[in-house]
C-alpha cells in the first residue's frame, strides 16, 4: 500500500485553471473579471485568480 499524498489547497488559479475547475468558459471568467465580480492579482506577467474570489463568485457573492 503506497502512502497517499495530499496536495495543499491552492491559493490561486491561472485563468485556464479557474475556468476548468469552475466549469465556466474562459470568456465567462474574463467577463466576470471585467465586471468586477471576480478579483484577480497580477504577479509578474501572470494573472491569477485567488481561490477565495472564485469561491465567492460561485456562491453568488461579490468579488
PDB file of N, CA and C in Angstrom:
ATOM      1  N   UNK A   1       0.844  -1.169   0.000  1.00  0.00           N
ATOM      2  CA  UNK A   1       0.000   0.000   0.000  1.00  0.00           C
ATOM      3  C   UNK A   1       0.895   1.239   0.000  1.00  0.00           C
ATOM      4  N   UNK A   2       0.692   2.116  -0.954  1.00  0.00           N
ATOM      5  CA  UNK A   2       1.510   3.323  -1.032  1.00  0.00           C
ATOM      6  C   UNK A   2       0.858   4.452  -0.239  1.00  0.00           C
ATOM      7  N   UNK A   3       1.674   5.316   0.342  1.00  0.00           N
ATOM      8  CA  UNK A   3       1.103   6.434   1.112  1.00  0.00           C
ATOM      9  C   UNK A   3       0.356   7.404   0.198  1.00  0.00           C
ATOM     10  N   UNK A   4      -0.698   7.955   0.722  1.00  0.00           N
ATOM     11  CA  UNK A   4      -1.499   8.928  -0.031  1.00  0.00           C
ATOM     12  C   UNK A   4      -0.971  10.316   0.301  1.00  0.00           C
ATOM     13  N   UNK A   5      -0.543  11.029  -0.740  1.00  0.00           N
ATOM     14  CA  UNK A   5      -0.070  12.389  -0.507  1.00  0.00           C
ATOM     15  C   UNK A   5      -1.159  13.355  -0.940  1.00  0.00           C
ATOM     16  N   UNK A   6      -1.471  14.279  -0.086  1.00  0.00           N
ATOM     17  CA  UNK A   6      -2.497  15.264  -0.397  1.00  0.00           C
ATOM     18  C   UNK A   6      -1.819  16.584  -0.700  1.00  0.00           C
ATOM     19  N   UNK A   7      -2.147  17.127  -1.858  1.00  0.00           N
ATOM     20  CA  UNK A   7      -1.629  18.438  -2.220  1.00  0.00           C
ATOM     21  C   UNK A   7      -2.263  19.494  -1.334  1.00  0.00           C
ATOM     22  N   UNK A   8      -1.508  20.517  -0.963  1.00  0.00           N
ATOM     23  CA  UNK A   8      -2.134  21.604  -0.198  1.00  0.00           C
ATOM     24  C   UNK A   8      -3.163  22.320  -1.070  1.00  0.00           C
ATOM     25  N   UNK A   9      -4.153  22.898  -0.424  1.00  0.00           N
ATOM     26  CA  UNK A   9      -5.173  23.643  -1.165  1.00  0.00           C
ATOM     27  C   UNK A   9      -4.516  24.771  -1.947  1.00  0.00           C
ATOM     28  N   UNK A  10      -5.010  25.003  -3.145  1.00  0.00           N
ATOM     29  CA  UNK A  10      -4.469  26.071  -3.987  1.00  0.00           C
ATOM     30  C   UNK A  10      -4.834  27.428  -3.430  1.00  0.00           C
ATOM     31  N   UNK A  11      -3.906  28.362  -3.535  1.00  0.00           N
ATOM     32  CA  UNK A  11      -4.184  29.746  -3.159  1.00  0.00           C
ATOM     33  C   UNK A  11      -4.741  30.516  -4.341  1.00  0.00           C
ATOM     34  N   UNK A  12      -4.239  30.211  -5.548  1.00  0.00           N
ATOM     35  CA  UNK A  12      -4.649  30.922  -6.767  1.00  0.00           C
ATOM     36  C   UNK A  12      -4.698  29.957  -7.941  1.00  0.00           C
ATOM     37  N   UNK A  13      -5.436  30.375  -8.955  1.00  0.00           N
ATOM     38  CA  UNK A  13      -5.535  29.629 -10.202  1.00  0.00           C
ATOM     39  C   UNK A  13      -5.168  30.539 -11.369  1.00  0.00           C
ATOM     40  N   UNK A  14      -4.629  29.955 -12.420  1.00  0.00           N
ATOM     41  CA  UNK A  14      -4.484  30.703 -13.669  1.00  0.00           C
ATOM     42  C   UNK A  14      -5.897  30.866 -14.247  1.00  0.00           C
ATOM     43  N   UNK A  15      -6.044  31.672 -15.260  1.00  0.00           N
ATOM     44  CA  UNK A  15      -7.360  31.859 -15.884  1.00  0.00           C
ATOM     45  C   UNK A  15      -7.872  30.521 -16.410  1.00  0.00           C
ATOM     46  N   UNK A  16      -7.018  29.778 -17.100  1.00  0.00           N
ATOM     47  CA  UNK A  16      -7.421  28.485 -17.659  1.00  0.00           C
ATOM     48  C   UNK A  16      -7.805  27.503 -16.558  1.00  0.00           C
ATOM     49  N   UNK A  17      -7.037  27.464 -15.481  1.00  0.00           N
ATOM     50  CA  UNK A  17      -7.345  26.569 -14.373  1.00  0.00           C
ATOM     51  C   UNK A  17      -8.658  26.976 -13.700  1.00  0.00           C
ATOM     52  N   UNK A  18      -8.862  28.270 -13.503  1.00  0.00           N
ATOM     53  CA  UNK A  18     -10.095  28.754 -12.883  1.00  0.00           C
ATOM     54  C   UNK A  18     -11.305  28.355 -13.729  1.00  0.00           C
ATOM     55  N   UNK A  19     -11.173  28.479 -15.040  1.00  0.00           N
ATOM     56  CA  UNK A  19     -12.259  28.079 -15.934  1.00  0.00           C
ATOM     57  C   UNK A  19     -12.525  26.579 -15.818  1.00  0.00           C
ATOM     58  N   UNK A  20     -11.454  25.792 -15.804  1.00  0.00           N
ATOM     59  CA  UNK A  20     -11.600  24.345 -15.746  1.00  0.00           C
ATOM     60  C   UNK A  20     -12.238  23.875 -14.432  1.00  0.00           C
ATOM     61  N   UNK A  21     -11.734  24.352 -13.299  1.00  0.00           N
ATOM     62  CA  UNK A  21     -12.242  23.862 -12.010  1.00  0.00           C
ATOM     63  C   UNK A  21     -13.645  24.373 -11.701  1.00  0.00           C
ATOM     64  N   UNK A  22     -14.045  25.489 -12.303  1.00  0.00           N
ATOM     65  CA  UNK A  22     -15.379  26.046 -12.053  1.00  0.00           C
ATOM     66  C   UNK A  22     -16.398  25.613 -13.098  1.00  0.00           C
ATOM     67  N   UNK A  23     -15.931  24.927 -14.139  1.00  0.00           N
ATOM     68  CA  UNK A  23     -16.782  24.520 -15.265  1.00  0.00           C
ATOM     69  C   UNK A  23     -17.365  25.711 -16.013  1.00  0.00           C
ATOM     70  N   UNK A  24     -16.665  26.846 -15.949  1.00  0.00           N
ATOM     71  CA  UNK A  24     -17.039  28.030 -16.714  1.00  0.00           C
ATOM     72  C   UNK A  24     -16.111  28.132 -17.922  1.00  0.00           C
ATOM     73  N   UNK A  25     -16.544  28.818 -18.939  1.00  0.00           N
ATOM     74  CA  UNK A  25     -15.684  29.066 -20.085  1.00  0.00           C
ATOM     75  C   UNK A  25     -14.713  30.197 -19.780  1.00  0.00           C
ATOM     76  N   UNK A  26     -13.610  30.230 -20.530  1.00  0.00           N
ATOM     77  CA  UNK A  26     -12.631  31.302 -20.334  1.00  0.00           C
ATOM     78  C   UNK A  26     -13.256  32.664 -20.559  1.00  0.00           C
ATOM     79  N   UNK A  27     -14.110  32.778 -21.562  1.00  0.00           N
ATOM     80  CA  UNK A  27     -14.760  34.062 -21.843  1.00  0.00           C
ATOM     81  C   UNK A  27     -15.625  34.502 -20.677  1.00  0.00           C
ATOM     82  N   UNK A  28     -16.308  33.564 -20.041  1.00  0.00           N
ATOM     83  CA  UNK A  28     -17.141  33.878 -18.880  1.00  0.00           C
ATOM     84  C   UNK A  28     -16.278  34.357 -17.722  1.00  0.00           C
ATOM     85  N   UNK A  29     -15.134  33.709 -17.536  1.00  0.00           N
ATOM     86  CA  UNK A  29     -14.206  34.123 -16.478  1.00  0.00           C
ATOM     87  C   UNK A  29     -13.720  35.547 -16.754  1.00  0.00           C
ATOM     88  N   UNK A  30     -13.319  35.830 -17.988  1.00  0.00           N
ATOM     89  CA  UNK A  30     -12.852  37.176 -18.333  1.00  0.00           C
ATOM     90  C   UNK A  30     -13.961  38.217 -18.159  1.00  0.00           C
ATOM     91  N   UNK A  31     -15.210  37.865 -18.515  1.00  0.00           N
ATOM     92  CA  UNK A  31     -16.324  38.807 -18.328  1.00  0.00           C
ATOM     93  C   UNK A  31     -16.548  39.091 -16.847  1.00  0.00           C
ATOM     94  N   UNK A  32     -16.441  38.063 -16.016  1.00  0.00           N
ATOM     95  CA  UNK A  32     -16.613  38.255 -14.565  1.00  0.00           C
ATOM     96  C   UNK A  32     -15.515  39.158 -14.009  1.00  0.00           C
ATOM     97  N   UNK A  33     -14.301  39.014 -14.533  1.00  0.00           N
ATOM     98  CA  UNK A  33     -13.195  39.882 -14.106  1.00  0.00           C
ATOM     99  C   UNK A  33     -13.485  41.319 -14.514  1.00  0.00           C
ATOM    100  N   UNK A  34     -13.867  41.506 -15.782  1.00  0.00           N
ATOM    101  CA  UNK A  34     -14.130  42.856 -16.296  1.00  0.00           C
ATOM    102  C   UNK A  34     -15.282  43.529 -15.554  1.00  0.00           C
ATOM    103  N   UNK A  35     -16.284  42.738 -15.159  1.00  0.00           N
ATOM    104  CA  UNK A  35     -17.447  43.281 -14.450  1.00  0.00           C
ATOM    105  C   UNK A  35     -17.163  43.519 -12.973  1.00  0.00           C
ATOM    106  N   UNK A  36     -15.983  43.097 -12.503  1.00  0.00           N
ATOM    107  CA  UNK A  36     -15.635  43.293 -11.105  1.00  0.00           C
ATOM    108  C   UNK A  36     -16.221  42.240 -10.177  1.00  0.00           C
ATOM    109  N   UNK A  37     -16.760  41.178 -10.747  1.00  0.00           N
ATOM    110  CA  UNK A  37     -17.340  40.113  -9.922  1.00  0.00           C
ATOM    111  C   UNK A  37     -16.311  39.060  -9.530  1.00  0.00           C
ATOM    112  N   UNK A  38     -15.145  39.082 -10.179  1.00  0.00           N
ATOM    113  CA  UNK A  38     -14.082  38.125  -9.891  1.00  0.00           C
ATOM    114  C   UNK A  38     -12.780  38.901  -9.755  1.00  0.00           C
ATOM    115  N   UNK A  39     -12.193  38.842  -8.572  1.00  0.00           N
ATOM    116  CA  UNK A  39     -10.946  39.570  -8.312  1.00  0.00           C
ATOM    117  C   UNK A  39      -9.762  38.774  -8.863  1.00  0.00           C
ATOM    118  N   UNK A  40      -8.758  39.491  -9.325  1.00  0.00           N
ATOM    119  CA  UNK A  40      -7.520  38.862  -9.789  1.00  0.00           C
ATOM    120  C   UNK A  40      -6.335  39.599  -9.188  1.00  0.00           C
ATOM    121  N   UNK A  41      -5.192  38.932  -9.208  1.00  0.00           N
ATOM    122  CA  UNK A  41      -3.934  39.562  -8.806  1.00  0.00           C
ATOM    123  C   UNK A  41      -2.940  39.355  -9.942  1.00  0.00           C
ATOM    124  N   UNK A  42      -2.100  40.349 -10.151  1.00  0.00           N
ATOM    125  CA  UNK A  42      -1.053  40.268 -11.165  1.00  0.00           C
ATOM    126  C   UNK A  42       0.260  39.990 -10.460  1.00  0.00           C
ATOM    127  N   UNK A  43       0.952  38.955 -10.888  1.00  0.00           N
ATOM    128  CA  UNK A  43       2.271  38.630 -10.355  1.00  0.00           C
ATOM    129  C   UNK A  43       3.188  38.488 -11.556  1.00  0.00           C
ATOM    130  N   UNK A  44       4.080  39.446 -11.704  1.00  0.00           N
ATOM    131  CA  UNK A  44       4.901  39.456 -12.912  1.00  0.00           C
ATOM    132  C   UNK A  44       3.983  39.637 -14.102  1.00  0.00           C
ATOM    133  N   UNK A  45       4.083  38.745 -15.056  1.00  0.00           N
ATOM    134  CA  UNK A  45       3.226  38.806 -16.236  1.00  0.00           C
ATOM    135  C   UNK A  45       2.000  37.922 -16.132  1.00  0.00           C
ATOM    136  N   UNK A  46       1.818  37.281 -14.984  1.00  0.00           N
ATOM    137  CA  UNK A  46       0.706  36.344 -14.829  1.00  0.00           C
ATOM    138  C   UNK A  46      -0.494  36.996 -14.162  1.00  0.00           C
ATOM    139  N   UNK A  47      -1.669  36.589 -14.606  1.00  0.00           N
ATOM    140  CA  UNK A  47      -2.915  36.998 -13.970  1.00  0.00           C
ATOM    141  C   UNK A  47      -3.425  35.781 -13.219  1.00  0.00           C
ATOM    142  N   UNK A  48      -3.589  35.934 -11.911  1.00  0.00           N
ATOM    143  CA  UNK A  48      -4.019  34.821 -11.074  1.00  0.00           C
ATOM    144  C   UNK A  48      -5.349  35.139 -10.404  1.00  0.00           C
ATOM    145  N   UNK A  49      -6.173  34.125 -10.276  1.00  0.00           N
ATOM    146  CA  UNK A  49      -7.476  34.250  -9.633  1.00  0.00           C
ATOM    147  C   UNK A  49      -7.354  33.615  -8.249  1.00  0.00           C
ATOM    148  N   UNK A  50      -7.470  34.411  -7.187  1.00  0.00           N
ATOM    149  CA  UNK A  50      -7.441  33.823  -5.849  1.00  0.00           C
ATOM    150  C   UNK A  50      -8.587  32.825  -5.669  1.00  0.00           C
ATOM    151  N   UNK A  51      -8.296  31.706  -5.041  1.00  0.00           N
ATOM    152  CA  UNK A  51      -9.305  30.668  -4.835  1.00  0.00           C
ATOM    153  C   UNK A  51     -10.517  31.228  -4.094  1.00  0.00           C
ATOM    154  N   UNK A  52     -10.281  32.086  -3.103  1.00  0.00           N
ATOM    155  CA  UNK A  52     -11.389  32.658  -2.325  1.00  0.00           C
ATOM    156  C   UNK A  52     -12.314  33.482  -3.219  1.00  0.00           C
ATOM    157  N   UNK A  53     -11.746  34.211  -4.173  1.00  0.00           N
ATOM    158  CA  UNK A  53     -12.552  35.016  -5.086  1.00  0.00           C
ATOM    159  C   UNK A  53     -13.410  34.121  -5.979  1.00  0.00           C
ATOM    160  N   UNK A  54     -12.839  33.030  -6.441  1.00  0.00           N
ATOM    161  CA  UNK A  54     -13.585  32.093  -7.278  1.00  0.00           C
ATOM    162  C   UNK A  54     -14.716  31.450  -6.491  1.00  0.00           C
ATOM    163  N   UNK A  55     -14.462  31.088  -5.243  1.00  0.00           N
ATOM    164  CA  UNK A  55     -15.499  30.517  -4.384  1.00  0.00           C
ATOM    165  C   UNK A  55     -16.634  31.515  -4.166  1.00  0.00           C
ATOM    166  N   UNK A  56     -16.284  32.795  -3.936  1.00  0.00           N
ATOM    167  CA  UNK A  56     -17.326  33.812  -3.741  1.00  0.00           C
ATOM    168  C   UNK A  56     -18.187  33.961  -4.990  1.00  0.00           C
ATOM    169  N   UNK A  57     -17.543  33.990  -6.166  1.00  0.00           N
ATOM    170  CA  UNK A  57     -18.287  34.129  -7.411  1.00  0.00           C
ATOM    171  C   UNK A  57     -19.275  32.971  -7.565  1.00  0.00           C
ATOM    172  N   UNK A  58     -18.814  31.773  -7.301  1.00  0.00           N
ATOM    173  CA  UNK A  58     -19.666  30.604  -7.496  1.00  0.00           C
ATOM    174  C   UNK A  58     -20.758  30.478  -6.444  1.00  0.00           C
ATOM    175  N   UNK A  59     -20.563  31.132  -5.310  1.00  0.00           N
ATOM    176  CA  UNK A  59     -21.600  31.084  -4.274  1.00  0.00           C
ATOM    177  C   UNK A  59     -22.547  32.284  -4.361  1.00  0.00           C
ATOM    178  N   UNK A  60     -22.325  33.139  -5.378  1.00  0.00           N
ATOM    179  CA  UNK A  60     -23.220  34.264  -5.588  1.00  0.00           C
ATOM    180  C   UNK A  60     -22.812  35.549  -4.906  1.00  0.00           C
ATOM    181  N   UNK A  61     -21.627  35.559  -4.287  1.00  0.00           N
ATOM    182  CA  UNK A  61     -21.164  36.751  -3.589  1.00  0.00           C
ATOM    183  C   UNK A  61     -20.437  37.714  -4.520  1.00  0.00           C
ATOM    184  N   UNK A  62     -20.021  38.843  -3.972  1.00  0.00           N
ATOM    185  CA  UNK A  62     -19.275  39.846  -4.736  1.00  0.00           C
ATOM    186  C   UNK A  62     -17.789  39.535  -4.670  1.00  0.00           C
ATOM    187  N   UNK A  63     -17.021  40.171  -5.553  1.00  0.00           N
ATOM    188  CA  UNK A  63     -15.566  39.974  -5.596  1.00  0.00           C
ATOM    189  C   UNK A  63     -14.974  40.441  -4.305  1.00  0.00           C
TER     190      UNK A  63
END
